[in-house]
Amino acid sequence: MATAVRECLAKARHSAMHLEMRDGYMRDDPEFIRWQNGHRYDPADRVSWWRPWLDVVAEATGRGVVMRRLRVVSEPLSDYVRYEYDGTFTNVAAGEDVRWLPRSRARDLLLPALDGWVMDQETVVFHHFSGDGEWTDPRMEVVHDSVLAAKYVSAYEAAWERAIPHAEYRPA
């Protein structure tokens, strides 16, 4: 099933910025549960971890869309964010640039209240989650508003400059 992010990403021409600020998402995700039980992806066995989302990323980056993912995190990391950290090499392999921003380094930044994406600096895709990290609106909210997008981009860029590239980040 197509999601708003996949649809907008398919139309993106230049950039896709993803902002994640929660310490946990969908804790009943089967892959997260497998990770909790000790499963780890083997970077040398690409077939075992490549999934449809990574095809979407590779297609977009292959046509020149710069994809960036910024994770604002509490330290020490929650189990869920540690799970994300352990699997981030898959995002990088597909073409995403990923950075980590510990909250302690973001204390003077003003960040949006909602996670989401900005596509080509003109479309914002909001993600709505409950306090437990479950989707409250799985369709997502797509807003075509360049003024709002500019606000998100400004906050994102300020945080991005302070964030640590995935290859350099070592969780506390």
C-alpha atoms as a PDB file:
ATOM      1  CA  MET A   1       0.000   0.000   0.000  1.00  0.00           C
ATOM      2  CA  ALA A   2       1.301   3.419  -0.915  1.00  0.00           C
ATOM      3  CA  THR A   3       1.780   5.959   1.854  1.00  0.00           C
ATOM      4  CA  ALA A   4       1.801   9.726   1.661  1.00  0.00           C
ATOM      5  CA  VAL A   5       5.583   9.728   2.112  1.00  0.00           C
ATOM      6  CA  ARG A   6       6.136   7.272  -0.747  1.00  0.00           C
ATOM      7  CA  GLU A   7       3.804   9.230  -3.014  1.00  0.00           C
ATOM      8  CA  CYS A   8       5.473  12.564  -2.223  1.00  0.00           C
ATOM      9  CA  LEU A   9       8.936  11.050  -2.494  1.00  0.00           C
ATOM     10  CA  ALA A  10       8.077   9.675  -5.936  1.00  0.00           C
ATOM     11  CA  LYS A  11       7.338  13.270  -6.996  1.00  0.00           C
ATOM     12  CA  ALA A  12      10.313  14.864  -5.225  1.00  0.00           C
ATOM     13  CA  ARG A  13      12.800  16.540  -7.539  1.00  0.00           C
ATOM     14  CA  HIS A  14      15.597  17.759  -5.276  1.00  0.00           C
ATOM     15  CA  SER A  15      15.346  17.017  -1.585  1.00  0.00           C
ATOM     16  CA  ALA A  16      13.636  15.026   1.124  1.00  0.00           C
ATOM     17  CA  MET A  17      14.303  15.828   4.773  1.00  0.00           C
ATOM     18  CA  HIS A  18      13.007  13.549   7.525  1.00  0.00           C
ATOM     19  CA  LEU A  19      12.877  14.677  11.150  1.00  0.00           C
ATOM     20  CA  GLU A  20      12.426  12.076  13.910  1.00  0.00           C
ATOM     21  CA  MET A  21      12.199  13.265  17.497  1.00  0.00           C
ATOM     22  CA  ARG A  22      10.582  10.466  19.508  1.00  0.00           C
ATOM     23  CA  ASP A  23      12.357   7.967  21.733  1.00  0.00           C
ATOM     24  CA  GLY A  24      10.130   5.152  20.559  1.00  0.00           C
ATOM     25  CA  TYR A  25       7.790   4.184  17.764  1.00  0.00           C
ATOM     26  CA  MET A  26       5.469   1.231  17.290  1.00  0.00           C
ATOM     27  CA  ARG A  27       7.022  -0.963  19.943  1.00  0.00           C
ATOM     28  CA  ASP A  28       4.961  -3.908  18.715  1.00  0.00           C
ATOM     29  CA  ASP A  29       6.817  -3.853  15.364  1.00  0.00           C
ATOM     30  CA  PRO A  30       7.887  -7.468  14.669  1.00  0.00           C
ATOM     31  CA  GLU A  31      11.365  -6.346  13.580  1.00  0.00           C
ATOM     32  CA  PHE A  32      11.860  -4.449  16.847  1.00  0.00           C
ATOM     33  CA  ILE A  33      10.715  -7.501  18.809  1.00  0.00           C
ATOM     34  CA  ARG A  34      13.176  -9.681  16.840  1.00  0.00           C
ATOM     35  CA  TRP A  35      15.939  -7.189  17.700  1.00  0.00           C
ATOM     36  CA  GLN A  36      14.953  -7.318  21.393  1.00  0.00           C
ATOM     37  CA  ASN A  37      15.310 -11.098  21.181  1.00  0.00           C
ATOM     38  CA  GLY A  38      18.868 -10.778  19.901  1.00  0.00           C
ATOM     39  CA  HIS A  39      18.508 -10.675  16.106  1.00  0.00           C
ATOM     40  CA  ARG A  40      20.943  -8.370  14.330  1.00  0.00           C
ATOM     41  CA  TYR A  41      21.231  -7.672  10.619  1.00  0.00           C
ATOM     42  CA  ASP A  42      24.408  -8.896   8.985  1.00  0.00           C
ATOM     43  CA  PRO A  43      25.781  -6.060   6.826  1.00  0.00           C
ATOM     44  CA  ALA A  44      27.464  -8.666   4.595  1.00  0.00           C
ATOM     45  CA  ASP A  45      24.136 -10.430   3.888  1.00  0.00           C
ATOM     46  CA  ARG A  46      22.271  -7.704   2.020  1.00  0.00           C
ATOM     47  CA  VAL A  47      19.492 -10.057   0.925  1.00  0.00           C
ATOM     48  CA  SER A  48      18.535 -10.637   4.570  1.00  0.00           C
ATOM     49  CA  TRP A  49      17.903  -6.965   5.383  1.00  0.00           C
ATOM     50  CA  TRP A  50      17.000  -5.243   2.124  1.00  0.00           C
ATOM     51  CA  ARG A  51      13.309  -4.342   2.151  1.00  0.00           C
ATOM     52  CA  PRO A  52      10.831  -2.452  -0.054  1.00  0.00           C
ATOM     53  CA  TRP A  53      11.377   0.892   1.708  1.00  0.00           C
ATOM     54  CA  LEU A  54      15.056   0.742   0.779  1.00  0.00           C
ATOM     55  CA  ASP A  55      14.050   0.304  -2.884  1.00  0.00           C
ATOM     56  CA  VAL A  56      12.090   3.557  -2.575  1.00  0.00           C
ATOM     57  CA  VAL A  57      15.112   5.324  -1.078  1.00  0.00           C
ATOM     58  CA  ALA A  58      17.507   3.938  -3.696  1.00  0.00           C
ATOM     59  CA  GLU A  59      15.172   4.948  -6.522  1.00  0.00           C
ATOM     60  CA  ALA A  60      14.837   8.509  -5.226  1.00  0.00           C
ATOM     61  CA  THR A  61      18.529   9.016  -4.504  1.00  0.00           C
ATOM     62  CA  GLY A  62      19.360   7.363  -7.817  1.00  0.00           C
ATOM     63  CA  ARG A  63      17.490  10.120  -9.642  1.00  0.00           C
ATOM     64  CA  GLY A  64      19.266  12.827  -7.682  1.00  0.00           C
ATOM     65  CA  VAL A  65      17.011  13.470  -4.682  1.00  0.00           C
ATOM     66  CA  VAL A  66      19.123  14.244  -1.628  1.00  0.00           C
ATOM     67  CA  MET A  67      17.589  12.327   1.281  1.00  0.00           C
ATOM     68  CA  ARG A  68      18.503  13.307   4.818  1.00  0.00           C
ATOM     69  CA  ARG A  69      17.235  11.782   8.067  1.00  0.00           C
ATOM     70  CA  LEU A  70      17.799  13.590  11.361  1.00  0.00           C
ATOM     71  CA  ARG A  71      17.160  11.793  14.616  1.00  0.00           C
ATOM     72  CA  VAL A  72      16.919  13.933  17.744  1.00  0.00           C
ATOM     73  CA  VAL A  73      17.574  11.526  20.610  1.00  0.00           C
ATOM     74  CA  SER A  74      17.734  11.278  24.376  1.00  0.00           C
ATOM     75  CA  GLU A  75      20.865   9.756  25.859  1.00  0.00           C
ATOM     76  CA  PRO A  76      21.299   7.140  26.962  1.00  0.00           C
ATOM     77  CA  LEU A  77      19.310   5.841  24.014  1.00  0.00           C
ATOM     78  CA  SER A  78      16.010   4.075  24.565  1.00  0.00           C
ATOM     79  CA  ASP A  79      15.877   0.463  23.426  1.00  0.00           C
ATOM     80  CA  TYR A  80      13.875   1.498  20.375  1.00  0.00           C
ATOM     81  CA  VAL A  81      16.362   4.156  19.277  1.00  0.00           C
ATOM     82  CA  ARG A  82      19.218   1.702  19.899  1.00  0.00           C
ATOM     83  CA  TYR A  83      17.370  -0.670  17.533  1.00  0.00           C
ATOM     84  CA  GLU A  84      17.174   2.128  14.961  1.00  0.00           C
ATOM     85  CA  TYR A  85      20.858   2.884  15.440  1.00  0.00           C
ATOM     86  CA  ASP A  86      21.819  -0.761  14.901  1.00  0.00           C
ATOM     87  CA  GLY A  87      19.880  -0.871  11.622  1.00  0.00           C
ATOM     88  CA  THR A  88      20.762   2.563  10.243  1.00  0.00           C
ATOM     89  CA  PHE A  89      23.494   1.109   8.038  1.00  0.00           C
ATOM     90  CA  THR A  90      20.639  -0.133   5.807  1.00  0.00           C
ATOM     91  CA  ASN A  91      19.360   3.434   5.292  1.00  0.00           C
ATOM     92  CA  VAL A  92      22.885   4.609   4.503  1.00  0.00           C
ATOM     93  CA  ALA A  93      23.405   1.727   2.062  1.00  0.00           C
ATOM     94  CA  ALA A  94      20.240   2.789   0.228  1.00  0.00           C
ATOM     95  CA  GLY A  95      21.475   6.378  -0.133  1.00  0.00           C
ATOM     96  CA  GLU A  96      20.204   8.310   2.885  1.00  0.00           C
ATOM     97  CA  ASP A  97      22.439  10.678   4.819  1.00  0.00           C
ATOM     98  CA  VAL A  98      21.642  10.130   8.508  1.00  0.00           C
ATOM     99  CA  ARG A  99      22.651  12.253  11.476  1.00  0.00           C
ATOM    100  CA  TRP A 100      22.026  12.028  15.208  1.00  0.00           C
ATOM    101  CA  LEU A 101      21.412  14.991  17.494  1.00  0.00           C
ATOM    102  CA  PRO A 102      21.526  14.339  21.232  1.00  0.00           C
ATOM    103  CA  ARG A 103      18.945  16.507  22.989  1.00  0.00           C
ATOM    104  CA  SER A 104      21.706  17.968  25.164  1.00  0.00           C
ATOM    105  CA  ARG A 105      23.149  19.578  22.016  1.00  0.00           C
ATOM    106  CA  ALA A 106      19.758  20.975  20.969  1.00  0.00           C
ATOM    107  CA  ARG A 107      18.769  22.865  24.100  1.00  0.00           C
ATOM    108  CA  ASP A 108      18.752  26.277  22.427  1.00  0.00           C
ATOM    109  CA  LEU A 109      17.133  25.148  19.170  1.00  0.00           C
ATOM    110  CA  LEU A 110      13.467  25.580  18.376  1.00  0.00           C
ATOM    111  CA  LEU A 111      12.234  22.379  16.782  1.00  0.00           C
ATOM    112  CA  PRO A 112       8.798  21.474  15.386  1.00  0.00           C
ATOM    113  CA  ALA A 113       6.357  19.610  17.594  1.00  0.00           C
ATOM    114  CA  LEU A 114       5.700  16.872  15.025  1.00  0.00           C
ATOM    115  CA  ASP A 115       7.907  14.404  13.220  1.00  0.00           C
ATOM    116  CA  GLY A 116       7.680  14.567   9.483  1.00  0.00           C
ATOM    117  CA  TRP A 117       9.169  15.137   6.082  1.00  0.00           C
ATOM    118  CA  VAL A 118       9.785  18.175   3.910  1.00  0.00           C
ATOM    119  CA  MET A 119       9.914  17.502   0.175  1.00  0.00           C
ATOM    120  CA  ASP A 120      11.557  19.998  -2.154  1.00  0.00           C
ATOM    121  CA  GLN A 121      11.092  22.719   0.460  1.00  0.00           C
ATOM    122  CA  GLU A 122       7.417  23.041  -0.427  1.00  0.00           C
ATOM    123  CA  THR A 123       5.497  20.039   0.918  1.00  0.00           C
ATOM    124  CA  VAL A 124       5.364  18.919   4.549  1.00  0.00           C
ATOM    125  CA  VAL A 125       4.201  15.442   5.516  1.00  0.00           C
ATOM    126  CA  PHE A 126       3.294  15.296   9.204  1.00  0.00           C
ATOM    127  CA  HIS A 127       3.374  12.109  11.244  1.00  0.00           C
ATOM    128  CA  HIS A 128       0.883  11.866  14.096  1.00  0.00           C
ATOM    129  CA  PHE A 129       1.744   9.512  16.966  1.00  0.00           C
ATOM    130  CA  SER A 130       0.206   8.769  20.339  1.00  0.00           C
ATOM    131  CA  GLY A 131       2.228   9.137  23.528  1.00  0.00           C
ATOM    132  CA  ASP A 132       3.148   5.462  23.177  1.00  0.00           C
ATOM    133  CA  GLY A 133       4.526   5.951  19.661  1.00  0.00           C
ATOM    134  CA  GLU A 134       1.613   4.360  17.801  1.00  0.00           C
ATOM    135  CA  TRP A 135       0.199   5.930  14.648  1.00  0.00           C
ATOM    136  CA  THR A 136      -2.896   7.993  15.366  1.00  0.00           C
ATOM    137  CA  ASP A 137      -3.408   8.774  11.682  1.00  0.00           C
ATOM    138  CA  PRO A 138      -1.602   6.269   9.452  1.00  0.00           C
ATOM    139  CA  ARG A 139      -2.562   8.243   6.338  1.00  0.00           C
ATOM    140  CA  MET A 140      -0.303  11.066   7.495  1.00  0.00           C
ATOM    141  CA  GLU A 141      -1.092  14.707   6.845  1.00  0.00           C
ATOM    142  CA  VAL A 142       0.199  16.280   3.631  1.00  0.00           C
ATOM    143  CA  VAL A 143       0.394  20.076   3.544  1.00  0.00           C
ATOM    144  CA  HIS A 144       1.464  21.943   0.411  1.00  0.00           C
ATOM    145  CA  ASP A 145       2.568  25.224   1.943  1.00  0.00           C
ATOM    146  CA  SER A 146       5.935  26.734   1.081  1.00  0.00           C
ATOM    147  CA  VAL A 147       5.813  29.147   4.055  1.00  0.00           C
ATOM    148  CA  LEU A 148       5.283  26.307   6.533  1.00  0.00           C
ATOM    149  CA  ALA A 149       7.892  24.203   4.726  1.00  0.00           C
ATOM    150  CA  ALA A 150      10.385  27.062   5.026  1.00  0.00           C
ATOM    151  CA  LYS A 151       9.866  27.117   8.809  1.00  0.00           C
ATOM    152  CA  TYR A 152      10.525  23.384   9.015  1.00  0.00           C
ATOM    153  CA  VAL A 153      13.556  23.676   6.756  1.00  0.00           C
ATOM    154  CA  SER A 154      14.998  26.488   8.891  1.00  0.00           C
ATOM    155  CA  ALA A 155      14.636  24.467  12.093  1.00  0.00           C
ATOM    156  CA  TYR A 156      15.904  21.336  10.369  1.00  0.00           C
ATOM    157  CA  GLU A 157      19.010  23.016   8.961  1.00  0.00           C
ATOM    158  CA  ALA A 158      19.945  24.496  12.347  1.00  0.00           C
ATOM    159  CA  ALA A 159      19.664  21.060  13.947  1.00  0.00           C
ATOM    160  CA  TRP A 160      21.397  19.314  11.032  1.00  0.00           C
ATOM    161  CA  GLU A 161      24.465  21.531  11.378  1.00  0.00           C
ATOM    162  CA  ARG A 162      24.833  20.464  15.002  1.00  0.00           C
ATOM    163  CA  ALA A 163      24.039  16.810  14.464  1.00  0.00           C
ATOM    164  CA  ILE A 164      26.620  14.049  14.266  1.00  0.00           C
ATOM    165  CA  PRO A 165      26.956  12.002  11.056  1.00  0.00           C
ATOM    166  CA  HIS A 166      25.983   8.356  11.530  1.00  0.00           C
ATOM    167  CA  ALA A 167      29.506   7.098  10.817  1.00  0.00           C
ATOM    168  CA  GLU A 168      30.834   9.256  13.687  1.00  0.00           C
ATOM    169  CA  TYR A 169      28.042   8.952  16.238  1.00  0.00           C
ATOM    170  CA  ARG A 170      28.699   6.709  19.223  1.00  0.00           C
ATOM    171  CA  PRO A 171      25.714   6.491  21.562  1.00  0.00           C
ATOM    172  CA  ALA A 172      26.370   7.390  25.188  1.00  0.00           C
END
